[in-house]
Amino acid sequence: ELSNGHPIFVLPTGGRGAKAIGVGADVLASDPAVRDVGVDTGFSPSPDVLRAPDLAVGDIPDQPGWVQGAPLLAMEYADTGQDEAELAAKIQDLLVAGTRYVWVVRLTGPRRVEVHQAGAGMTVAHPGDELQAPGVLANPVLVEALYDREVAREVVFRNLLQREGYSSLDAVREEGKAEGEVGGLRSAI
């Protein structure tokens, strides 16, 4: 990566982080308001800045090369060995470039998500809390859904139902029941 013209050496993600990134990508990509999610997508808001968040939500063209601009939502998964100074610089670069939200999922110590927004102090969300990104995501996201596959499946299922026009699984069941009753009446007539 590149920050203010200075190269940054970025180590690859370990196994735990890689699995969690896959889980988070499924959750974000299924949200009804999301069009594009990128994994390790390089964003270049200016010639001297190149940042590649672990996950990014925004306009990601289907073409080669770095994406000009910045994502609306960027996520970083922080695990053992995280260079905290570099992470802080990356968060700052993204926010200055126009990223609305940066979520840092902490995989060491107590699990939590640090929420960064331009012009606002950092807040911390813990398991059981919901994260929101107005103007980017349609639905709130449980903290655990960003790293726990079982919780993520429930969120993805809800999101996919909403993409098809259903508010919940109960709405699908009610529609099926109503169609079955109408079909039974037609058969009786």
N, C-alpha and C. Protein backbone atom coordinates (compact mmCIF):
# COMPACT_ATOMS: atom_id res chain seq x y z
N GLU A 1 0.84 -1.17 0.00
CA GLU A 1 0.00 0.00 0.00
C GLU A 1 0.89 1.23 0.00
N LEU A 2 0.26 2.39 -0.15
CA LEU A 2 0.98 3.64 -0.24
C LEU A 2 0.23 4.69 0.57
N SER A 3 0.94 5.42 1.44
CA SER A 3 0.34 6.48 2.24
C SER A 3 1.20 7.73 2.11
N ASN A 4 0.61 8.79 1.55
CA ASN A 4 1.34 10.04 1.32
C ASN A 4 2.66 9.79 0.60
N GLY A 5 2.63 8.89 -0.37
CA GLY A 5 3.81 8.60 -1.17
C GLY A 5 4.78 7.62 -0.55
N HIS A 6 4.54 7.18 0.68
CA HIS A 6 5.44 6.26 1.36
C HIS A 6 4.91 4.83 1.25
N PRO A 7 5.74 3.90 0.78
CA PRO A 7 5.28 2.51 0.68
C PRO A 7 5.06 1.89 2.06
N ILE A 8 4.03 1.07 2.15
CA ILE A 8 3.68 0.37 3.39
C ILE A 8 3.73 -1.12 3.08
N PHE A 9 4.50 -1.87 3.86
CA PHE A 9 4.56 -3.32 3.72
C PHE A 9 3.40 -3.91 4.50
N VAL A 10 2.53 -4.66 3.82
CA VAL A 10 1.35 -5.24 4.46
C VAL A 10 1.49 -6.76 4.43
N LEU A 11 1.48 -7.35 5.63
CA LEU A 11 1.57 -8.81 5.72
C LEU A 11 0.25 -9.46 5.35
N PRO A 12 0.30 -10.68 4.84
CA PRO A 12 -0.95 -11.38 4.53
C PRO A 12 -1.72 -11.73 5.80
N THR A 13 -3.00 -11.94 5.65
CA THR A 13 -3.87 -12.31 6.76
C THR A 13 -3.66 -13.78 7.12
N GLY A 14 -3.70 -14.09 8.41
CA GLY A 14 -3.59 -15.48 8.86
C GLY A 14 -4.91 -16.21 8.70
N GLY A 15 -4.92 -17.47 9.10
CA GLY A 15 -6.10 -18.32 8.92
C GLY A 15 -7.36 -17.80 9.58
N ARG A 16 -7.26 -17.41 10.86
CA ARG A 16 -8.45 -16.93 11.58
C ARG A 16 -9.01 -15.69 10.91
N GLY A 17 -8.13 -14.76 10.55
CA GLY A 17 -8.58 -13.53 9.89
C GLY A 17 -9.18 -13.80 8.53
N ALA A 18 -8.57 -14.70 7.77
CA ALA A 18 -9.07 -15.02 6.43
C ALA A 18 -10.48 -15.62 6.50
N LYS A 19 -10.70 -16.51 7.46
CA LYS A 19 -12.05 -17.10 7.60
C LYS A 19 -13.06 -16.03 7.99
N ALA A 20 -12.68 -15.15 8.92
CA ALA A 20 -13.60 -14.10 9.36
C ALA A 20 -13.92 -13.14 8.21
N ILE A 21 -12.93 -12.81 7.39
CA ILE A 21 -13.17 -11.92 6.25
C ILE A 21 -14.21 -12.54 5.31
N GLY A 22 -14.11 -13.84 5.07
CA GLY A 22 -15.10 -14.52 4.23
C GLY A 22 -16.50 -14.42 4.80
N VAL A 23 -16.61 -14.56 6.10
CA VAL A 23 -17.91 -14.45 6.77
C VAL A 23 -18.46 -13.03 6.62
N GLY A 24 -17.61 -12.04 6.91
CA GLY A 24 -18.04 -10.65 6.79
C GLY A 24 -18.42 -10.28 5.36
N ALA A 25 -17.70 -10.81 4.39
CA ALA A 25 -18.02 -10.52 2.98
C ALA A 25 -19.41 -11.03 2.62
N ASP A 26 -19.76 -12.22 3.09
CA ASP A 26 -21.10 -12.76 2.82
C ASP A 26 -22.18 -11.86 3.40
N VAL A 27 -21.97 -11.40 4.64
CA VAL A 27 -22.96 -10.55 5.31
C VAL A 27 -23.13 -9.24 4.55
N LEU A 28 -22.04 -8.58 4.22
CA LEU A 28 -22.14 -7.30 3.53
C LEU A 28 -22.73 -7.44 2.13
N ALA A 29 -22.28 -8.45 1.39
CA ALA A 29 -22.73 -8.62 0.00
C ALA A 29 -24.22 -8.95 -0.09
N SER A 30 -24.78 -9.55 0.96
CA SER A 30 -26.20 -9.92 0.92
C SER A 30 -27.12 -8.77 1.29
N ASP A 31 -26.60 -7.70 1.89
CA ASP A 31 -27.45 -6.59 2.30
C ASP A 31 -28.19 -6.03 1.09
N PRO A 32 -29.51 -5.78 1.23
CA PRO A 32 -30.30 -5.32 0.09
C PRO A 32 -29.84 -4.01 -0.54
N ALA A 33 -29.15 -3.16 0.20
CA ALA A 33 -28.71 -1.87 -0.34
C ALA A 33 -27.33 -1.95 -1.01
N VAL A 34 -26.64 -3.07 -0.87
CA VAL A 34 -25.26 -3.17 -1.35
C VAL A 34 -25.21 -3.71 -2.78
N ARG A 35 -24.48 -3.00 -3.61
CA ARG A 35 -24.28 -3.46 -4.99
C ARG A 35 -22.95 -4.17 -5.14
N ASP A 36 -21.88 -3.61 -4.56
CA ASP A 36 -20.55 -4.19 -4.72
C ASP A 36 -19.84 -4.32 -3.38
N VAL A 37 -19.17 -5.47 -3.20
CA VAL A 37 -18.28 -5.70 -2.07
C VAL A 37 -16.98 -6.22 -2.65
N GLY A 38 -15.87 -5.67 -2.17
CA GLY A 38 -14.57 -6.12 -2.63
C GLY A 38 -13.73 -6.63 -1.47
N VAL A 39 -12.94 -7.65 -1.74
CA VAL A 39 -12.00 -8.19 -0.76
C VAL A 39 -10.61 -7.74 -1.18
N ASP A 40 -9.93 -7.02 -0.29
CA ASP A 40 -8.58 -6.54 -0.54
C ASP A 40 -8.50 -5.69 -1.82
N THR A 41 -9.53 -4.89 -2.05
CA THR A 41 -9.60 -4.03 -3.24
C THR A 41 -8.71 -2.80 -3.04
N GLY A 42 -7.85 -2.51 -3.98
CA GLY A 42 -6.99 -1.35 -3.91
C GLY A 42 -7.73 -0.10 -4.34
N PHE A 43 -7.84 0.88 -3.45
CA PHE A 43 -8.47 2.16 -3.74
C PHE A 43 -7.39 3.23 -3.77
N SER A 44 -7.45 4.09 -4.79
CA SER A 44 -6.48 5.16 -4.93
C SER A 44 -7.23 6.49 -5.04
N PRO A 45 -7.42 7.17 -3.89
CA PRO A 45 -8.11 8.46 -3.93
C PRO A 45 -7.25 9.58 -4.50
N SER A 46 -5.93 9.40 -4.49
CA SER A 46 -5.01 10.37 -5.07
C SER A 46 -3.75 9.62 -5.51
N PRO A 47 -2.91 10.23 -6.34
CA PRO A 47 -1.73 9.51 -6.86
C PRO A 47 -0.76 9.01 -5.78
N ASP A 48 -0.77 9.66 -4.61
CA ASP A 48 0.19 9.25 -3.58
C ASP A 48 -0.43 8.39 -2.47
N VAL A 49 -1.69 7.93 -2.69
CA VAL A 49 -2.36 7.08 -1.69
C VAL A 49 -2.95 5.85 -2.39
N LEU A 50 -2.64 4.71 -1.83
CA LEU A 50 -3.23 3.45 -2.29
C LEU A 50 -3.52 2.63 -1.04
N ARG A 51 -4.78 2.36 -0.80
CA ARG A 51 -5.19 1.60 0.38
C ARG A 51 -6.08 0.44 -0.05
N ALA A 52 -5.89 -0.70 0.60
CA ALA A 52 -6.66 -1.91 0.28
C ALA A 52 -7.25 -2.47 1.56
N PRO A 53 -8.46 -2.00 1.93
CA PRO A 53 -9.10 -2.56 3.12
C PRO A 53 -9.42 -4.04 2.93
N ASP A 54 -9.51 -4.77 4.04
CA ASP A 54 -9.85 -6.19 3.95
C ASP A 54 -11.18 -6.38 3.22
N LEU A 55 -12.17 -5.55 3.56
CA LEU A 55 -13.47 -5.56 2.88
C LEU A 55 -13.85 -4.12 2.56
N ALA A 56 -14.50 -3.93 1.43
CA ALA A 56 -14.93 -2.60 1.03
C ALA A 56 -16.30 -2.66 0.39
N VAL A 57 -17.16 -1.71 0.74
CA VAL A 57 -18.47 -1.56 0.12
C VAL A 57 -18.46 -0.23 -0.60
N GLY A 58 -18.86 -0.27 -1.85
CA GLY A 58 -18.90 0.96 -2.65
C GLY A 58 -18.97 0.61 -4.11
N ASP A 59 -18.73 1.57 -4.95
CA ASP A 59 -18.75 1.36 -6.39
C ASP A 59 -17.41 0.75 -6.80
N ILE A 60 -17.44 -0.52 -7.18
CA ILE A 60 -16.22 -1.22 -7.58
C ILE A 60 -16.40 -1.67 -9.03
N PRO A 61 -15.79 -0.94 -9.97
CA PRO A 61 -15.97 -1.28 -11.38
C PRO A 61 -15.41 -2.66 -11.71
N ASP A 62 -16.02 -3.29 -12.67
CA ASP A 62 -15.58 -4.62 -13.12
C ASP A 62 -14.52 -4.43 -14.21
N GLN A 63 -13.35 -3.95 -13.80
CA GLN A 63 -12.25 -3.72 -14.72
C GLN A 63 -10.94 -3.84 -13.96
N PRO A 64 -9.85 -4.05 -14.66
CA PRO A 64 -8.57 -4.20 -13.97
C PRO A 64 -8.07 -2.88 -13.40
N GLY A 65 -7.14 -2.99 -12.48
CA GLY A 65 -6.49 -1.79 -11.92
C GLY A 65 -7.10 -1.31 -10.64
N TRP A 66 -6.45 -0.31 -10.07
CA TRP A 66 -6.91 0.26 -8.81
C TRP A 66 -8.20 1.02 -9.03
N VAL A 67 -9.04 1.02 -8.01
CA VAL A 67 -10.29 1.76 -8.05
C VAL A 67 -10.00 3.20 -7.63
N GLN A 68 -10.43 4.14 -8.45
CA GLN A 68 -10.26 5.55 -8.10
C GLN A 68 -11.26 5.92 -7.02
N GLY A 69 -10.83 6.71 -6.05
CA GLY A 69 -11.73 7.14 -4.98
C GLY A 69 -11.56 6.31 -3.73
N ALA A 70 -12.65 6.24 -2.95
CA ALA A 70 -12.61 5.54 -1.67
C ALA A 70 -13.92 4.78 -1.48
N PRO A 71 -13.90 3.68 -0.71
CA PRO A 71 -15.14 2.95 -0.46
C PRO A 71 -16.03 3.72 0.52
N LEU A 72 -17.32 3.42 0.50
CA LEU A 72 -18.24 4.03 1.46
C LEU A 72 -18.03 3.45 2.86
N LEU A 73 -17.82 2.13 2.90
CA LEU A 73 -17.58 1.41 4.15
C LEU A 73 -16.33 0.56 3.95
N ALA A 74 -15.38 0.67 4.86
CA ALA A 74 -14.17 -0.16 4.81
C ALA A 74 -14.10 -0.95 6.10
N MET A 75 -13.67 -2.22 5.99
CA MET A 75 -13.50 -3.06 7.17
C MET A 75 -12.09 -3.61 7.22
N GLU A 76 -11.54 -3.61 8.41
CA GLU A 76 -10.25 -4.22 8.68
C GLU A 76 -10.44 -5.26 9.77
N TYR A 77 -9.78 -6.39 9.62
CA TYR A 77 -9.78 -7.44 10.64
C TYR A 77 -8.42 -7.41 11.31
N ALA A 78 -8.39 -7.08 12.60
CA ALA A 78 -7.14 -6.95 13.34
C ALA A 78 -6.93 -8.19 14.21
N ASP A 79 -5.79 -8.85 14.01
CA ASP A 79 -5.47 -10.07 14.75
C ASP A 79 -4.07 -9.89 15.35
N THR A 80 -3.53 -10.95 15.90
CA THR A 80 -2.20 -10.87 16.51
C THR A 80 -1.19 -10.33 15.50
N GLY A 81 -0.27 -9.53 15.98
CA GLY A 81 0.75 -8.97 15.11
C GLY A 81 0.33 -7.71 14.39
N GLN A 82 -0.87 -7.21 14.67
CA GLN A 82 -1.36 -6.01 13.99
C GLN A 82 -0.45 -4.82 14.31
N ASP A 83 -0.02 -4.10 13.30
CA ASP A 83 0.75 -2.88 13.48
C ASP A 83 -0.26 -1.76 13.74
N GLU A 84 -0.40 -1.37 14.99
CA GLU A 84 -1.43 -0.41 15.39
C GLU A 84 -1.20 0.98 14.79
N ALA A 85 0.04 1.41 14.69
CA ALA A 85 0.32 2.72 14.10
C ALA A 85 -0.08 2.74 12.63
N GLU A 86 0.24 1.66 11.92
CA GLU A 86 -0.12 1.57 10.50
C GLU A 86 -1.63 1.51 10.34
N LEU A 87 -2.31 0.77 11.22
CA LEU A 87 -3.77 0.69 11.15
C LEU A 87 -4.38 2.08 11.36
N ALA A 88 -3.88 2.83 12.32
CA ALA A 88 -4.39 4.19 12.57
C ALA A 88 -4.18 5.08 11.34
N ALA A 89 -3.02 4.96 10.70
CA ALA A 89 -2.75 5.75 9.49
C ALA A 89 -3.69 5.35 8.36
N LYS A 90 -3.96 4.07 8.23
CA LYS A 90 -4.86 3.59 7.17
C LYS A 90 -6.27 4.11 7.40
N ILE A 91 -6.74 4.04 8.64
CA ILE A 91 -8.07 4.56 8.97
C ILE A 91 -8.15 6.04 8.61
N GLN A 92 -7.13 6.81 8.98
CA GLN A 92 -7.10 8.24 8.69
C GLN A 92 -7.10 8.49 7.18
N ASP A 93 -6.27 7.76 6.44
CA ASP A 93 -6.22 7.92 4.98
C ASP A 93 -7.60 7.67 4.37
N LEU A 94 -8.28 6.62 4.81
CA LEU A 94 -9.59 6.28 4.25
C LEU A 94 -10.63 7.34 4.59
N LEU A 95 -10.65 7.80 5.84
CA LEU A 95 -11.63 8.81 6.23
C LEU A 95 -11.39 10.13 5.50
N VAL A 96 -10.15 10.53 5.37
CA VAL A 96 -9.82 11.77 4.64
C VAL A 96 -10.23 11.65 3.17
N ALA A 97 -10.12 10.46 2.61
CA ALA A 97 -10.45 10.23 1.20
C ALA A 97 -11.95 10.19 0.94
N GLY A 98 -12.77 10.12 2.01
CA GLY A 98 -14.22 10.12 1.83
C GLY A 98 -14.94 8.88 2.29
N THR A 99 -14.24 7.92 2.85
CA THR A 99 -14.91 6.74 3.40
C THR A 99 -15.78 7.20 4.57
N ARG A 100 -17.04 6.77 4.58
CA ARG A 100 -17.96 7.20 5.63
C ARG A 100 -17.75 6.45 6.94
N TYR A 101 -17.49 5.15 6.82
CA TYR A 101 -17.35 4.29 8.01
C TYR A 101 -16.16 3.37 7.83
N VAL A 102 -15.38 3.24 8.89
CA VAL A 102 -14.33 2.22 8.95
C VAL A 102 -14.62 1.37 10.18
N TRP A 103 -14.84 0.09 9.96
CA TRP A 103 -15.09 -0.85 11.06
C TRP A 103 -13.85 -1.71 11.22
N VAL A 104 -13.31 -1.75 12.43
CA VAL A 104 -12.16 -2.60 12.74
C VAL A 104 -12.65 -3.73 13.62
N VAL A 105 -12.63 -4.94 13.09
CA VAL A 105 -13.08 -6.13 13.83
C VAL A 105 -11.87 -6.68 14.57
N ARG A 106 -11.93 -6.65 15.88
CA ARG A 106 -10.83 -7.12 16.72
C ARG A 106 -11.03 -8.61 17.01
N LEU A 107 -10.06 -9.41 16.56
CA LEU A 107 -10.14 -10.86 16.72
C LEU A 107 -9.33 -11.35 17.93
N THR A 108 -8.55 -10.47 18.55
CA THR A 108 -7.80 -10.83 19.75
C THR A 108 -8.44 -10.15 20.96
N GLY A 109 -8.25 -10.74 22.12
CA GLY A 109 -8.88 -10.20 23.32
C GLY A 109 -10.38 -10.33 23.20
N PRO A 110 -11.10 -9.54 23.97
CA PRO A 110 -12.56 -9.59 23.83
C PRO A 110 -12.96 -9.15 22.42
N ARG A 111 -13.77 -9.96 21.76
CA ARG A 111 -14.21 -9.60 20.41
C ARG A 111 -15.02 -8.32 20.46
N ARG A 112 -14.78 -7.45 19.48
CA ARG A 112 -15.46 -6.18 19.42
C ARG A 112 -15.21 -5.56 18.05
N VAL A 113 -15.96 -4.51 17.75
CA VAL A 113 -15.76 -3.75 16.52
C VAL A 113 -15.60 -2.29 16.89
N GLU A 114 -14.51 -1.70 16.43
CA GLU A 114 -14.30 -0.28 16.60
C GLU A 114 -14.88 0.43 15.38
N VAL A 115 -15.70 1.42 15.64
CA VAL A 115 -16.38 2.16 14.56
C VAL A 115 -15.76 3.55 14.48
N HIS A 116 -15.24 3.87 13.29
CA HIS A 116 -14.62 5.17 13.03
C HIS A 116 -15.43 5.91 11.98
N GLN A 117 -15.69 7.18 12.23
CA GLN A 117 -16.37 8.05 11.27
C GLN A 117 -15.65 9.39 11.26
N ALA A 118 -15.62 10.02 10.10
CA ALA A 118 -14.99 11.34 10.00
C ALA A 118 -15.72 12.32 10.91
N GLY A 119 -14.96 13.09 11.65
CA GLY A 119 -15.54 14.11 12.51
C GLY A 119 -16.19 13.58 13.78
N ALA A 120 -16.05 12.30 14.04
CA ALA A 120 -16.64 11.71 15.25
C ALA A 120 -15.58 10.86 15.94
N GLY A 121 -15.70 10.75 17.23
CA GLY A 121 -14.78 9.89 17.95
C GLY A 121 -15.08 8.43 17.69
N MET A 122 -14.10 7.59 17.98
CA MET A 122 -14.29 6.15 17.81
C MET A 122 -15.28 5.65 18.86
N THR A 123 -16.16 4.75 18.43
CA THR A 123 -17.04 4.05 19.36
C THR A 123 -16.73 2.57 19.26
N VAL A 124 -17.12 1.83 20.29
CA VAL A 124 -16.86 0.39 20.32
C VAL A 124 -18.18 -0.35 20.45
N ALA A 125 -18.37 -1.35 19.61
CA ALA A 125 -19.55 -2.22 19.67
C ALA A 125 -19.09 -3.61 20.09
N HIS A 126 -19.85 -4.22 20.97
CA HIS A 126 -19.51 -5.54 21.53
C HIS A 126 -20.49 -6.59 21.04
N PRO A 127 -20.17 -7.87 21.21
CA PRO A 127 -21.13 -8.92 20.83
C PRO A 127 -22.51 -8.62 21.43
N GLY A 128 -23.52 -8.78 20.61
CA GLY A 128 -24.89 -8.46 21.01
C GLY A 128 -25.32 -7.09 20.52
N ASP A 129 -24.35 -6.22 20.21
CA ASP A 129 -24.66 -4.89 19.68
C ASP A 129 -24.87 -4.97 18.18
N GLU A 130 -25.61 -4.00 17.66
CA GLU A 130 -25.82 -3.89 16.22
C GLU A 130 -25.03 -2.72 15.67
N LEU A 131 -24.45 -2.93 14.52
CA LEU A 131 -23.73 -1.88 13.79
C LEU A 131 -24.66 -1.35 12.71
N GLN A 132 -24.60 -0.05 12.49
CA GLN A 132 -25.41 0.55 11.44
C GLN A 132 -24.53 1.42 10.56
N ALA A 133 -24.86 1.47 9.29
CA ALA A 133 -24.15 2.33 8.35
C ALA A 133 -25.20 2.98 7.45
N PRO A 134 -25.91 3.99 7.98
CA PRO A 134 -26.95 4.65 7.18
C PRO A 134 -26.40 5.18 5.86
N GLY A 135 -27.18 4.97 4.82
CA GLY A 135 -26.77 5.41 3.50
C GLY A 135 -25.87 4.42 2.79
N VAL A 136 -25.45 3.35 3.49
CA VAL A 136 -24.60 2.33 2.90
C VAL A 136 -25.27 0.96 3.01
N LEU A 137 -25.70 0.60 4.21
CA LEU A 137 -26.36 -0.68 4.45
C LEU A 137 -27.82 -0.45 4.78
N ALA A 138 -28.69 -1.33 4.30
CA ALA A 138 -30.12 -1.23 4.61
C ALA A 138 -30.41 -1.76 6.00
N ASN A 139 -29.67 -2.77 6.43
CA ASN A 139 -29.96 -3.45 7.69
C ASN A 139 -28.83 -3.32 8.69
N PRO A 140 -29.19 -3.34 9.98
CA PRO A 140 -28.14 -3.38 11.00
C PRO A 140 -27.44 -4.74 10.95
N VAL A 141 -26.21 -4.78 11.45
CA VAL A 141 -25.40 -6.00 11.45
C VAL A 141 -24.99 -6.30 12.88
N LEU A 142 -25.30 -7.49 13.36
CA LEU A 142 -24.81 -7.90 14.67
C LEU A 142 -23.29 -8.02 14.63
N VAL A 143 -22.63 -7.58 15.68
CA VAL A 143 -21.17 -7.66 15.75
C VAL A 143 -20.70 -9.08 15.44
N GLU A 144 -21.33 -10.08 16.04
CA GLU A 144 -20.90 -11.47 15.86
C GLU A 144 -21.03 -11.95 14.42
N ALA A 145 -21.93 -11.33 13.65
CA ALA A 145 -22.13 -11.75 12.26
C ALA A 145 -20.91 -11.47 11.40
N LEU A 146 -19.97 -10.67 11.90
CA LEU A 146 -18.78 -10.35 11.13
C LEU A 146 -17.66 -11.35 11.31
N TYR A 147 -17.85 -12.34 12.20
CA TYR A 147 -16.81 -13.36 12.40
C TYR A 147 -17.36 -14.74 12.76
N ASP A 148 -18.63 -14.86 13.11
CA ASP A 148 -19.23 -16.13 13.51
C ASP A 148 -20.15 -16.62 12.39
N ARG A 149 -19.77 -17.71 11.74
CA ARG A 149 -20.51 -18.19 10.56
C ARG A 149 -21.97 -18.48 10.86
N GLU A 150 -22.29 -19.05 12.02
CA GLU A 150 -23.69 -19.37 12.35
C GLU A 150 -24.55 -18.11 12.45
N VAL A 151 -24.06 -17.11 13.13
CA VAL A 151 -24.79 -15.84 13.25
C VAL A 151 -24.89 -15.19 11.87
N ALA A 152 -23.83 -15.25 11.11
CA ALA A 152 -23.82 -14.65 9.77
C ALA A 152 -24.86 -15.29 8.87
N ARG A 153 -25.05 -16.60 8.98
CA ARG A 153 -26.05 -17.29 8.14
C ARG A 153 -27.44 -16.72 8.36
N GLU A 154 -27.78 -16.44 9.60
CA GLU A 154 -29.10 -15.86 9.89
C GLU A 154 -29.23 -14.48 9.26
N VAL A 155 -28.19 -13.67 9.35
CA VAL A 155 -28.23 -12.32 8.78
C VAL A 155 -28.31 -12.41 7.25
N VAL A 156 -27.52 -13.28 6.65
CA VAL A 156 -27.54 -13.44 5.20
C VAL A 156 -28.91 -13.91 4.73
N PHE A 157 -29.50 -14.85 5.46
CA PHE A 157 -30.82 -15.36 5.10
C PHE A 157 -31.86 -14.24 5.13
N ARG A 158 -31.85 -13.45 6.19
CA ARG A 158 -32.77 -12.30 6.28
C ARG A 158 -32.55 -11.35 5.11
N ASN A 159 -31.30 -11.04 4.82
CA ASN A 159 -30.99 -10.11 3.74
C ASN A 159 -31.45 -10.63 2.39
N LEU A 160 -31.22 -11.92 2.14
CA LEU A 160 -31.62 -12.50 0.85
C LEU A 160 -33.15 -12.52 0.70
N LEU A 161 -33.86 -12.80 1.78
CA LEU A 161 -35.32 -12.73 1.73
C LEU A 161 -35.77 -11.31 1.37
N GLN A 162 -35.14 -10.32 1.99
CA GLN A 162 -35.50 -8.93 1.70
C GLN A 162 -35.18 -8.56 0.26
N ARG A 163 -34.10 -9.08 -0.27
CA ARG A 163 -33.78 -8.81 -1.69
C ARG A 163 -34.88 -9.33 -2.61
N GLU A 164 -35.59 -10.37 -2.17
CA GLU A 164 -36.68 -10.95 -2.96
C GLU A 164 -38.04 -10.36 -2.61
N GLY A 165 -38.04 -9.35 -1.73
CA GLY A 165 -39.29 -8.66 -1.41
C GLY A 165 -40.03 -9.17 -0.18
N TYR A 166 -39.42 -10.03 0.61
CA TYR A 166 -40.05 -10.57 1.81
C TYR A 166 -39.42 -9.94 3.05
N SER A 167 -40.24 -9.65 4.04
CA SER A 167 -39.71 -9.05 5.26
C SER A 167 -39.10 -10.09 6.19
N SER A 168 -39.56 -11.34 6.08
CA SER A 168 -39.06 -12.40 6.97
C SER A 168 -39.48 -13.76 6.42
N LEU A 169 -38.99 -14.81 7.07
CA LEU A 169 -39.40 -16.16 6.69
C LEU A 169 -40.89 -16.35 6.95
N ASP A 170 -41.42 -15.74 8.00
CA ASP A 170 -42.86 -15.82 8.28
C ASP A 170 -43.68 -15.24 7.13
N ALA A 171 -43.20 -14.19 6.48
CA ALA A 171 -43.90 -13.60 5.34
C ALA A 171 -43.94 -14.59 4.17
N VAL A 172 -42.86 -15.34 3.97
CA VAL A 172 -42.83 -16.36 2.91
C VAL A 172 -43.85 -17.45 3.23
N ARG A 173 -43.86 -17.89 4.49
CA ARG A 173 -44.81 -18.93 4.91
C ARG A 173 -46.25 -18.47 4.74
N GLU A 174 -46.54 -17.23 5.12
CA GLU A 174 -47.90 -16.70 4.99
C GLU A 174 -48.32 -16.65 3.52
N GLU A 175 -47.41 -16.24 2.64
CA GLU A 175 -47.73 -16.20 1.22
C GLU A 175 -48.01 -17.61 0.70
N GLY A 176 -47.19 -18.56 1.11
CA GLY A 176 -47.41 -19.95 0.69
C GLY A 176 -48.72 -20.50 1.21
N LYS A 177 -49.04 -20.18 2.45
CA LYS A 177 -50.30 -20.64 3.03
C LYS A 177 -51.49 -20.04 2.29
N ALA A 178 -51.41 -18.73 1.98
CA ALA A 178 -52.49 -18.05 1.26
C ALA A 178 -52.65 -18.63 -0.15
N GLU A 179 -51.53 -18.90 -0.83
CA GLU A 179 -51.60 -19.49 -2.17
C GLU A 179 -52.19 -20.90 -2.10
N GLY A 180 -51.85 -21.64 -1.05
CA GLY A 180 -52.39 -22.99 -0.89
C GLY A 180 -53.89 -22.96 -0.65
N GLU A 181 -54.36 -22.01 0.14
CA GLU A 181 -55.80 -21.88 0.41
C GLU A 181 -56.55 -21.49 -0.85
N VAL A 182 -55.99 -20.56 -1.63
CA VAL A 182 -56.64 -20.14 -2.87
C VAL A 182 -56.66 -21.33 -3.86
N GLY A 183 -55.57 -22.06 -3.93
CA GLY A 183 -55.53 -23.23 -4.82
C GLY A 183 -56.55 -24.28 -4.40
N GLY A 184 -56.70 -24.47 -3.09
CA GLY A 184 -57.69 -25.44 -2.59
C GLY A 184 -59.10 -25.00 -2.92
N LEU A 185 -59.40 -23.72 -2.81
CA LEU A 185 -60.73 -23.21 -3.14
C LEU A 185 -61.00 -23.36 -4.64
N ARG A 186 -59.99 -23.11 -5.45
CA ARG A 186 -60.17 -23.27 -6.91
C ARG A 186 -60.48 -24.74 -7.25
N SER A 187 -59.79 -25.64 -6.60
CA SER A 187 -60.02 -27.05 -6.84
C SER A 187 -61.42 -27.46 -6.41
N ALA A 188 -61.86 -26.89 -5.29
CA ALA A 188 -63.21 -27.22 -4.79
C ALA A 188 -64.29 -26.70 -5.71
N ILE A 189 -64.04 -25.53 -6.31
CA ILE A 189 -65.04 -24.94 -7.21
C ILE A 189 -65.06 -25.71 -8.50
